[in-house]
């Protein structure tokens, strides 16, 4: 009896997603938006033209795979909260010496 090979194919739509890599500027903008700053406030804080801001938001949406800015900010809030919980959880690292 001939044995068939199992093939795993990961395509763009399969749900498999590697975490995106953001530039420092993109990370700062996303962090500010996730913390509650408005788009206008972020532009003023970083002395950025609105067209530059819109381009950066578009690039970040493509990296994450979100359709709009609200979904992108919700994704960032989820990632930030998950990171904070890992840092603030001393039980995760075992017991103290």
PDB file of N, CA and C in Angstrom:
ATOM      1  N   UNK A   1       0.834  -1.174   0.000  1.00  0.00           N
ATOM      2  CA  UNK A   1       0.000   0.000   0.000  1.00  0.00           C
ATOM      3  C   UNK A   1       0.883   1.243   0.000  1.00  0.00           C
ATOM      4  N   UNK A   2       0.578   2.135  -0.892  1.00  0.00           N
ATOM      5  CA  UNK A   2       1.363   3.346  -1.039  1.00  0.00           C
ATOM      6  C   UNK A   2       0.899   4.403  -0.026  1.00  0.00           C
ATOM      7  N   UNK A   3       1.844   5.038   0.626  1.00  0.00           N
ATOM      8  CA  UNK A   3       1.517   6.042   1.636  1.00  0.00           C
ATOM      9  C   UNK A   3       1.498   7.428   1.004  1.00  0.00           C
ATOM     10  N   UNK A   4       0.444   8.194   1.289  1.00  0.00           N
ATOM     11  CA  UNK A   4       0.342   9.555   0.768  1.00  0.00           C
ATOM     12  C   UNK A   4       0.970  10.529   1.759  1.00  0.00           C
ATOM     13  N   UNK A   5       1.572  11.566   1.232  1.00  0.00           N
ATOM     14  CA  UNK A   5       2.185  12.585   2.074  1.00  0.00           C
ATOM     15  C   UNK A   5       1.139  13.585   2.529  1.00  0.00           C
ATOM     16  N   UNK A   6       1.239  14.002   3.779  1.00  0.00           N
ATOM     17  CA  UNK A   6       0.372  15.055   4.292  1.00  0.00           C
ATOM     18  C   UNK A   6       1.029  16.395   3.988  1.00  0.00           C
ATOM     19  N   UNK A   7       0.279  17.278   3.384  1.00  0.00           N
ATOM     20  CA  UNK A   7       0.807  18.581   3.014  1.00  0.00           C
ATOM     21  C   UNK A   7       0.011  19.652   3.750  1.00  0.00           C
ATOM     22  N   UNK A   8       0.722  20.539   4.397  1.00  0.00           N
ATOM     23  CA  UNK A   8       0.084  21.663   5.063  1.00  0.00           C
ATOM     24  C   UNK A   8       0.384  22.901   4.240  1.00  0.00           C
ATOM     25  N   UNK A   9      -0.664  23.599   3.890  1.00  0.00           N
ATOM     26  CA  UNK A   9      -0.505  24.805   3.084  1.00  0.00           C
ATOM     27  C   UNK A   9      -1.025  25.989   3.883  1.00  0.00           C
ATOM     28  N   UNK A  10      -0.180  26.957   4.105  1.00  0.00           N
ATOM     29  CA  UNK A  10      -0.580  28.168   4.825  1.00  0.00           C
ATOM     30  C   UNK A  10      -0.709  29.275   3.795  1.00  0.00           C
ATOM     31  N   UNK A  11      -1.924  29.758   3.643  1.00  0.00           N
ATOM     32  CA  UNK A  11      -2.171  30.844   2.704  1.00  0.00           C
ATOM     33  C   UNK A  11      -2.531  32.093   3.470  1.00  0.00           C
ATOM     34  N   UNK A  12      -2.626  33.189   2.763  1.00  0.00           N
ATOM     35  CA  UNK A  12      -2.924  34.470   3.385  1.00  0.00           C
ATOM     36  C   UNK A  12      -4.242  34.442   4.133  1.00  0.00           C
ATOM     37  N   UNK A  13      -5.215  33.728   3.657  1.00  0.00           N
ATOM     38  CA  UNK A  13      -6.529  33.711   4.279  1.00  0.00           C
ATOM     39  C   UNK A  13      -6.728  32.610   5.297  1.00  0.00           C
ATOM     40  N   UNK A  14      -5.684  31.899   5.660  1.00  0.00           N
ATOM     41  CA  UNK A  14      -5.857  30.736   6.532  1.00  0.00           C
ATOM     42  C   UNK A  14      -5.970  31.101   8.011  1.00  0.00           C
ATOM     43  N   UNK A  15      -5.746  32.327   8.394  1.00  0.00           N
ATOM     44  CA  UNK A  15      -5.804  32.698   9.796  1.00  0.00           C
ATOM     45  C   UNK A  15      -4.444  32.660  10.469  1.00  0.00           C
ATOM     46  N   UNK A  16      -3.443  32.079   9.829  1.00  0.00           N
ATOM     47  CA  UNK A  16      -2.094  32.055  10.374  1.00  0.00           C
ATOM     48  C   UNK A  16      -1.485  33.426  10.165  1.00  0.00           C
ATOM     49  N   UNK A  17      -1.052  34.061  11.219  1.00  0.00           N
ATOM     50  CA  UNK A  17      -0.558  35.421  11.106  1.00  0.00           C
ATOM     51  C   UNK A  17       0.672  35.598  11.983  1.00  0.00           C
ATOM     52  N   UNK A  18       1.743  36.052  11.409  1.00  0.00           N
ATOM     53  CA  UNK A  18       2.939  36.401  12.170  1.00  0.00           C
ATOM     54  C   UNK A  18       2.758  37.837  12.631  1.00  0.00           C
ATOM     55  N   UNK A  19       3.196  38.144  13.852  1.00  0.00           N
ATOM     56  CA  UNK A  19       3.051  39.510  14.355  1.00  0.00           C
ATOM     57  C   UNK A  19       3.757  40.485  13.446  1.00  0.00           C
ATOM     58  N   UNK A  20       3.091  41.597  13.139  1.00  0.00           N
ATOM     59  CA  UNK A  20       3.697  42.588  12.251  1.00  0.00           C
ATOM     60  C   UNK A  20       4.842  43.322  12.944  1.00  0.00           C
ATOM     61  N   UNK A  21       5.739  43.822  12.157  1.00  0.00           N
ATOM     62  CA  UNK A  21       6.843  44.614  12.672  1.00  0.00           C
ATOM     63  C   UNK A  21       6.581  46.071  12.329  1.00  0.00           C
ATOM     64  N   UNK A  22       6.446  46.882  13.353  1.00  0.00           N
ATOM     65  CA  UNK A  22       6.195  48.305  13.158  1.00  0.00           C
ATOM     66  C   UNK A  22       7.488  49.092  13.311  1.00  0.00           C
ATOM     67  N   UNK A  23       7.564  50.216  12.605  1.00  0.00           N
ATOM     68  CA  UNK A  23       8.677  51.131  12.814  1.00  0.00           C
ATOM     69  C   UNK A  23       8.482  51.823  14.155  1.00  0.00           C
ATOM     70  N   UNK A  24       9.493  52.514  14.633  1.00  0.00           N
ATOM     71  CA  UNK A  24       9.378  53.246  15.890  1.00  0.00           C
ATOM     72  C   UNK A  24       8.287  54.297  15.837  1.00  0.00           C
ATOM     73  N   UNK A  25       8.210  55.003  14.721  1.00  0.00           N
ATOM     74  CA  UNK A  25       7.188  56.042  14.562  1.00  0.00           C
ATOM     75  C   UNK A  25       5.789  55.437  14.568  1.00  0.00           C
ATOM     76  N   UNK A  26       5.615  54.325  13.860  1.00  0.00           N
ATOM     77  CA  UNK A  26       4.316  53.652  13.832  1.00  0.00           C
ATOM     78  C   UNK A  26       3.930  53.160  15.222  1.00  0.00           C
ATOM     79  N   UNK A  27       4.889  52.609  15.953  1.00  0.00           N
ATOM     80  CA  UNK A  27       4.617  52.120  17.303  1.00  0.00           C
ATOM     81  C   UNK A  27       4.178  53.248  18.224  1.00  0.00           C
ATOM     82  N   UNK A  28       4.856  54.388  18.141  1.00  0.00           N
ATOM     83  CA  UNK A  28       4.502  55.531  18.982  1.00  0.00           C
ATOM     84  C   UNK A  28       3.106  56.050  18.661  1.00  0.00           C
ATOM     85  N   UNK A  29       2.777  56.121  17.385  1.00  0.00           N
ATOM     86  CA  UNK A  29       1.460  56.592  16.971  1.00  0.00           C
ATOM     87  C   UNK A  29       0.387  55.629  17.452  1.00  0.00           C
ATOM     88  N   UNK A  30       0.604  54.337  17.248  1.00  0.00           N
ATOM     89  CA  UNK A  30      -0.383  53.342  17.648  1.00  0.00           C
ATOM     90  C   UNK A  30      -0.564  53.323  19.162  1.00  0.00           C
ATOM     91  N   UNK A  31       0.518  53.476  19.892  1.00  0.00           N
ATOM     92  CA  UNK A  31       0.452  53.526  21.355  1.00  0.00           C
ATOM     93  C   UNK A  31      -0.368  54.741  21.799  1.00  0.00           C
ATOM     94  N   UNK A  32      -0.125  55.900  21.203  1.00  0.00           N
ATOM     95  CA  UNK A  32      -0.866  57.108  21.566  1.00  0.00           C
ATOM     96  C   UNK A  32      -2.353  56.952  21.267  1.00  0.00           C
ATOM     97  N   UNK A  33      -2.687  56.390  20.124  1.00  0.00           N
ATOM     98  CA  UNK A  33      -4.093  56.187  19.772  1.00  0.00           C
ATOM     99  C   UNK A  33      -4.751  55.177  20.710  1.00  0.00           C
ATOM    100  N   UNK A  34      -4.027  54.124  21.061  1.00  0.00           N
ATOM    101  CA  UNK A  34      -4.572  53.113  21.963  1.00  0.00           C
ATOM    102  C   UNK A  34      -4.775  53.668  23.372  1.00  0.00           C
ATOM    103  N   UNK A  35      -4.003  54.690  23.716  1.00  0.00           N
ATOM    104  CA  UNK A  35      -4.135  55.311  25.041  1.00  0.00           C
ATOM    105  C   UNK A  35      -5.210  56.399  25.077  1.00  0.00           C
ATOM    106  N   UNK A  36      -5.867  56.643  23.958  1.00  0.00           N
ATOM    107  CA  UNK A  36      -6.998  57.566  23.963  1.00  0.00           C
ATOM    108  C   UNK A  36      -6.786  58.900  23.273  1.00  0.00           C
ATOM    109  N   UNK A  37      -5.631  59.134  22.695  1.00  0.00           N
ATOM    110  CA  UNK A  37      -5.410  60.391  21.981  1.00  0.00           C
ATOM    111  C   UNK A  37      -6.202  60.375  20.680  1.00  0.00           C
ATOM    112  N   UNK A  38      -6.670  61.541  20.250  1.00  0.00           N
ATOM    113  CA  UNK A  38      -7.378  61.628  18.976  1.00  0.00           C
ATOM    114  C   UNK A  38      -6.374  61.733  17.841  1.00  0.00           C
ATOM    115  N   UNK A  39      -6.857  61.551  16.634  1.00  0.00           N
ATOM    116  CA  UNK A  39      -5.968  61.644  15.474  1.00  0.00           C
ATOM    117  C   UNK A  39      -5.363  63.041  15.368  1.00  0.00           C
ATOM    118  N   UNK A  40      -6.155  64.058  15.609  1.00  0.00           N
ATOM    119  CA  UNK A  40      -5.658  65.440  15.553  1.00  0.00           C
ATOM    120  C   UNK A  40      -4.607  65.680  16.633  1.00  0.00           C
ATOM    121  N   UNK A  41      -4.842  65.166  17.839  1.00  0.00           N
ATOM    122  CA  UNK A  41      -3.870  65.329  18.916  1.00  0.00           C
ATOM    123  C   UNK A  41      -2.554  64.634  18.584  1.00  0.00           C
ATOM    124  N   UNK A  42      -2.647  63.449  17.989  1.00  0.00           N
ATOM    125  CA  UNK A  42      -1.430  62.712  17.612  1.00  0.00           C
ATOM    126  C   UNK A  42      -0.655  63.492  16.559  1.00  0.00           C
ATOM    127  N   UNK A  43      -1.354  64.050  15.574  1.00  0.00           N
ATOM    128  CA  UNK A  43      -0.673  64.864  14.546  1.00  0.00           C
ATOM    129  C   UNK A  43       0.029  66.053  15.179  1.00  0.00           C
ATOM    130  N   UNK A  44      -0.639  66.700  16.116  1.00  0.00           N
ATOM    131  CA  UNK A  44      -0.027  67.853  16.788  1.00  0.00           C
ATOM    132  C   UNK A  44       1.137  67.425  17.674  1.00  0.00           C
ATOM    133  N   UNK A  45       0.970  66.337  18.414  1.00  0.00           N
ATOM    134  CA  UNK A  45       2.028  65.862  19.316  1.00  0.00           C
ATOM    135  C   UNK A  45       3.313  65.524  18.563  1.00  0.00           C
ATOM    136  N   UNK A  46       3.168  64.895  17.408  1.00  0.00           N
ATOM    137  CA  UNK A  46       4.328  64.451  16.642  1.00  0.00           C
ATOM    138  C   UNK A  46       4.705  65.427  15.523  1.00  0.00           C
ATOM    139  N   UNK A  47       4.018  66.583  15.498  1.00  0.00           N
ATOM    140  CA  UNK A  47       4.269  67.606  14.463  1.00  0.00           C
ATOM    141  C   UNK A  47       4.261  66.959  13.073  1.00  0.00           C
ATOM    142  N   UNK A  48       3.140  66.310  12.775  1.00  0.00           N
ATOM    143  CA  UNK A  48       3.019  65.507  11.574  1.00  0.00           C
ATOM    144  C   UNK A  48       1.904  66.062  10.691  1.00  0.00           C
ATOM    145  N   UNK A  49       2.153  66.060   9.394  1.00  0.00           N
ATOM    146  CA  UNK A  49       1.119  66.465   8.440  1.00  0.00           C
ATOM    147  C   UNK A  49       0.018  65.403   8.423  1.00  0.00           C
ATOM    148  N   UNK A  50      -1.231  65.820   8.249  1.00  0.00           N
ATOM    149  CA  UNK A  50      -2.326  64.837   8.197  1.00  0.00           C
ATOM    150  C   UNK A  50      -2.154  63.787   7.094  1.00  0.00           C
ATOM    151  N   UNK A  51      -1.579  64.177   5.967  1.00  0.00           N
ATOM    152  CA  UNK A  51      -1.378  63.206   4.893  1.00  0.00           C
ATOM    153  C   UNK A  51      -0.366  62.128   5.299  1.00  0.00           C
ATOM    154  N   UNK A  52       0.659  62.532   6.033  1.00  0.00           N
ATOM    155  CA  UNK A  52       1.644  61.566   6.530  1.00  0.00           C
ATOM    156  C   UNK A  52       0.993  60.621   7.531  1.00  0.00           C
ATOM    157  N   UNK A  53       0.176  61.182   8.407  1.00  0.00           N
ATOM    158  CA  UNK A  53      -0.542  60.369   9.396  1.00  0.00           C
ATOM    159  C   UNK A  53      -1.429  59.335   8.699  1.00  0.00           C
ATOM    160  N   UNK A  54      -2.174  59.776   7.697  1.00  0.00           N
ATOM    161  CA  UNK A  54      -3.069  58.866   6.977  1.00  0.00           C
ATOM    162  C   UNK A  54      -2.295  57.758   6.266  1.00  0.00           C
ATOM    163  N   UNK A  55      -1.129  58.095   5.705  1.00  0.00           N
ATOM    164  CA  UNK A  55      -0.304  57.085   5.048  1.00  0.00           C
ATOM    165  C   UNK A  55       0.198  56.056   6.054  1.00  0.00           C
ATOM    166  N   UNK A  56       0.646  56.535   7.221  1.00  0.00           N
ATOM    167  CA  UNK A  56       1.131  55.618   8.252  1.00  0.00           C
ATOM    168  C   UNK A  56       0.005  54.710   8.762  1.00  0.00           C
ATOM    169  N   UNK A  57      -1.182  55.275   8.930  1.00  0.00           N
ATOM    170  CA  UNK A  57      -2.325  54.467   9.371  1.00  0.00           C
ATOM    171  C   UNK A  57      -2.649  53.398   8.329  1.00  0.00           C
ATOM    172  N   UNK A  58      -2.595  53.769   7.066  1.00  0.00           N
ATOM    173  CA  UNK A  58      -2.848  52.812   5.990  1.00  0.00           C
ATOM    174  C   UNK A  58      -1.825  51.681   6.026  1.00  0.00           C
ATOM    175  N   UNK A  59      -0.557  52.034   6.203  1.00  0.00           N
ATOM    176  CA  UNK A  59       0.504  51.022   6.267  1.00  0.00           C
ATOM    177  C   UNK A  59       0.305  50.076   7.457  1.00  0.00           C
ATOM    178  N   UNK A  60      -0.073  50.635   8.613  1.00  0.00           N
ATOM    179  CA  UNK A  60      -0.280  49.804   9.798  1.00  0.00           C
ATOM    180  C   UNK A  60      -1.497  48.887   9.617  1.00  0.00           C
ATOM    181  N   UNK A  61      -2.563  49.400   8.999  1.00  0.00           N
ATOM    182  CA  UNK A  61      -3.741  48.565   8.745  1.00  0.00           C
ATOM    183  C   UNK A  61      -3.387  47.386   7.844  1.00  0.00           C
ATOM    184  N   UNK A  62      -2.543  47.638   6.838  1.00  0.00           N
ATOM    185  CA  UNK A  62      -2.120  46.556   5.945  1.00  0.00           C
ATOM    186  C   UNK A  62      -1.293  45.522   6.700  1.00  0.00           C
ATOM    187  N   UNK A  63      -0.408  45.968   7.587  1.00  0.00           N
ATOM    188  CA  UNK A  63       0.440  45.045   8.335  1.00  0.00           C
ATOM    189  C   UNK A  63      -0.374  44.149   9.260  1.00  0.00           C
ATOM    190  N   UNK A  64      -1.407  44.721   9.877  1.00  0.00           N
ATOM    191  CA  UNK A  64      -2.226  43.969  10.820  1.00  0.00           C
ATOM    192  C   UNK A  64      -3.319  43.190  10.098  1.00  0.00           C
ATOM    193  N   UNK A  65      -3.775  43.729   8.973  1.00  0.00           N
ATOM    194  CA  UNK A  65      -4.856  43.092   8.240  1.00  0.00           C
ATOM    195  C   UNK A  65      -6.219  43.579   8.677  1.00  0.00           C
ATOM    196  N   UNK A  66      -6.290  44.808   9.193  1.00  0.00           N
ATOM    197  CA  UNK A  66      -7.575  45.355   9.620  1.00  0.00           C
ATOM    198  C   UNK A  66      -8.159  46.234   8.523  1.00  0.00           C
ATOM    199  N   UNK A  67      -9.472  46.353   8.545  1.00  0.00           N
ATOM    200  CA  UNK A  67     -10.167  47.099   7.499  1.00  0.00           C
ATOM    201  C   UNK A  67     -10.267  48.584   7.809  1.00  0.00           C
ATOM    202  N   UNK A  68     -10.238  48.935   9.090  1.00  0.00           N
ATOM    203  CA  UNK A  68     -10.400  50.342   9.453  1.00  0.00           C
ATOM    204  C   UNK A  68      -9.564  50.685  10.684  1.00  0.00           C
ATOM    205  N   UNK A  69      -9.536  51.978  11.013  1.00  0.00           N
ATOM    206  CA  UNK A  69      -8.711  52.449  12.130  1.00  0.00           C
ATOM    207  C   UNK A  69      -9.230  51.954  13.482  1.00  0.00           C
ATOM    208  N   UNK A  70     -10.546  51.823  13.619  1.00  0.00           N
ATOM    209  CA  UNK A  70     -11.108  51.371  14.888  1.00  0.00           C
ATOM    210  C   UNK A  70     -10.641  49.947  15.199  1.00  0.00           C
ATOM    211  N   UNK A  71     -10.662  49.087  14.205  1.00  0.00           N
ATOM    212  CA  UNK A  71     -10.195  47.716  14.386  1.00  0.00           C
ATOM    213  C   UNK A  71      -8.705  47.678  14.702  1.00  0.00           C
ATOM    214  N   UNK A  72      -7.937  48.531  14.049  1.00  0.00           N
ATOM    215  CA  UNK A  72      -6.496  48.607  14.312  1.00  0.00           C
ATOM    216  C   UNK A  72      -6.223  49.030  15.750  1.00  0.00           C
ATOM    217  N   UNK A  73      -6.944  50.034  16.237  1.00  0.00           N
ATOM    218  CA  UNK A  73      -6.741  50.515  17.606  1.00  0.00           C
ATOM    219  C   UNK A  73      -7.202  49.464  18.611  1.00  0.00           C
ATOM    220  N   UNK A  74      -8.297  48.777  18.318  1.00  0.00           N
ATOM    221  CA  UNK A  74      -8.754  47.695  19.207  1.00  0.00           C
ATOM    222  C   UNK A  74      -7.714  46.582  19.266  1.00  0.00           C
ATOM    223  N   UNK A  75      -7.102  46.266  18.120  1.00  0.00           N
ATOM    224  CA  UNK A  75      -6.045  45.257  18.078  1.00  0.00           C
ATOM    225  C   UNK A  75      -4.875  45.692  18.956  1.00  0.00           C
ATOM    226  N   UNK A  76      -4.498  46.978  18.847  1.00  0.00           N
ATOM    227  CA  UNK A  76      -3.372  47.496  19.635  1.00  0.00           C
ATOM    228  C   UNK A  76      -3.686  47.455  21.134  1.00  0.00           C
ATOM    229  N   UNK A  77      -4.905  47.830  21.517  1.00  0.00           N
ATOM    230  CA  UNK A  77      -5.289  47.787  22.931  1.00  0.00           C
ATOM    231  C   UNK A  77      -5.214  46.362  23.460  1.00  0.00           C
ATOM    232  N   UNK A  78      -5.666  45.422  22.669  1.00  0.00           N
ATOM    233  CA  UNK A  78      -5.615  44.023  23.089  1.00  0.00           C
ATOM    234  C   UNK A  78      -4.167  43.571  23.275  1.00  0.00           C
ATOM    235  N   UNK A  79      -3.296  43.944  22.346  1.00  0.00           N
ATOM    236  CA  UNK A  79      -1.887  43.566  22.432  1.00  0.00           C
ATOM    237  C   UNK A  79      -1.205  44.234  23.625  1.00  0.00           C
ATOM    238  N   UNK A  80      -1.529  45.506  23.866  1.00  0.00           N
ATOM    239  CA  UNK A  80      -0.915  46.228  24.989  1.00  0.00           C
ATOM    240  C   UNK A  80      -1.373  45.619  26.310  1.00  0.00           C
ATOM    241  N   UNK A  81      -2.660  45.351  26.453  1.00  0.00           N
ATOM    242  CA  UNK A  81      -3.169  44.753  27.688  1.00  0.00           C
ATOM    243  C   UNK A  81      -2.594  43.372  27.918  1.00  0.00           C
ATOM    244  N   UNK A  82      -2.452  42.588  26.861  1.00  0.00           N
ATOM    245  CA  UNK A  82      -1.859  41.259  26.997  1.00  0.00           C
ATOM    246  C   UNK A  82      -0.416  41.332  27.448  1.00  0.00           C
ATOM    247  N   UNK A  83       0.325  42.293  26.935  1.00  0.00           N
ATOM    248  CA  UNK A  83       1.722  42.471  27.331  1.00  0.00           C
ATOM    249  C   UNK A  83       1.851  42.917  28.763  1.00  0.00           C
ATOM    250  N   UNK A  84       0.962  43.833  29.195  1.00  0.00           N
ATOM    251  CA  UNK A  84       1.005  44.306  30.573  1.00  0.00           C
ATOM    252  C   UNK A  84       0.673  43.187  31.547  1.00  0.00           C
ATOM    253  N   UNK A  85      -0.255  42.324  31.200  1.00  0.00           N
ATOM    254  CA  UNK A  85      -0.616  41.234  32.087  1.00  0.00           C
ATOM    255  C   UNK A  85       0.540  40.258  32.235  1.00  0.00           C
ATOM    256  N   UNK A  86       1.285  40.032  31.174  1.00  0.00           N
ATOM    257  CA  UNK A  86       2.423  39.124  31.275  1.00  0.00           C
ATOM    258  C   UNK A  86       3.519  39.714  32.152  1.00  0.00           C
ATOM    259  N   UNK A  87       3.728  41.012  32.038  1.00  0.00           N
ATOM    260  CA  UNK A  87       4.774  41.661  32.827  1.00  0.00           C
ATOM    261  C   UNK A  87       4.389  41.707  34.294  1.00  0.00           C
ATOM    262  N   UNK A  88       3.112  41.998  34.583  1.00  0.00           N
ATOM    263  CA  UNK A  88       2.664  42.180  35.959  1.00  0.00           C
ATOM    264  C   UNK A  88       2.306  40.882  36.665  1.00  0.00           C
ATOM    265  N   UNK A  89       2.524  39.743  36.059  1.00  0.00           N
ATOM    266  CA  UNK A  89       2.132  38.466  36.638  1.00  0.00           C
ATOM    267  C   UNK A  89       3.362  37.745  37.184  1.00  0.00           C
ATOM    268  N   UNK A  90       3.703  37.935  38.480  1.00  0.00           N
ATOM    269  CA  UNK A  90       4.896  37.286  39.022  1.00  0.00           C
ATOM    270  C   UNK A  90       4.756  35.770  39.121  1.00  0.00           C
ATOM    271  N   UNK A  91       3.530  35.247  39.199  1.00  0.00           N
ATOM    272  CA  UNK A  91       3.335  33.803  39.300  1.00  0.00           C
ATOM    273  C   UNK A  91       3.739  33.090  38.026  1.00  0.00           C
ATOM    274  N   UNK A  92       3.752  33.816  36.925  1.00  0.00           N
ATOM    275  CA  UNK A  92       4.105  33.221  35.641  1.00  0.00           C
ATOM    276  C   UNK A  92       5.562  32.750  35.643  1.00  0.00           C
ATOM    277  N   UNK A  93       6.427  33.438  36.351  1.00  0.00           N
ATOM    278  CA  UNK A  93       7.857  33.125  36.337  1.00  0.00           C
ATOM    279  C   UNK A  93       8.257  32.127  37.428  1.00  0.00           C
ATOM    280  N   UNK A  94       7.301  31.623  38.151  1.00  0.00           N
ATOM    281  CA  UNK A  94       7.632  30.673  39.217  1.00  0.00           C
ATOM    282  C   UNK A  94       7.758  31.370  40.546  1.00  0.00           C
ATOM    283  N   UNK A  95       8.333  30.702  41.500  1.00  0.00           N
ATOM    284  CA  UNK A  95       8.429  31.280  42.842  1.00  0.00           C
ATOM    285  C   UNK A  95       9.747  32.037  43.004  1.00  0.00           C
ATOM    286  N   UNK A  96       9.745  32.922  43.965  1.00  0.00           N
ATOM    287  CA  UNK A  96      10.943  33.711  44.235  1.00  0.00           C
ATOM    288  C   UNK A  96      11.936  32.883  45.034  1.00  0.00           C
ATOM    289  N   UNK A  97      13.219  33.157  44.869  1.00  0.00           N
ATOM    290  CA  UNK A  97      14.271  32.431  45.578  1.00  0.00           C
ATOM    291  C   UNK A  97      14.419  32.941  46.982  1.00  0.00           C
TER     292      UNK A  97
END
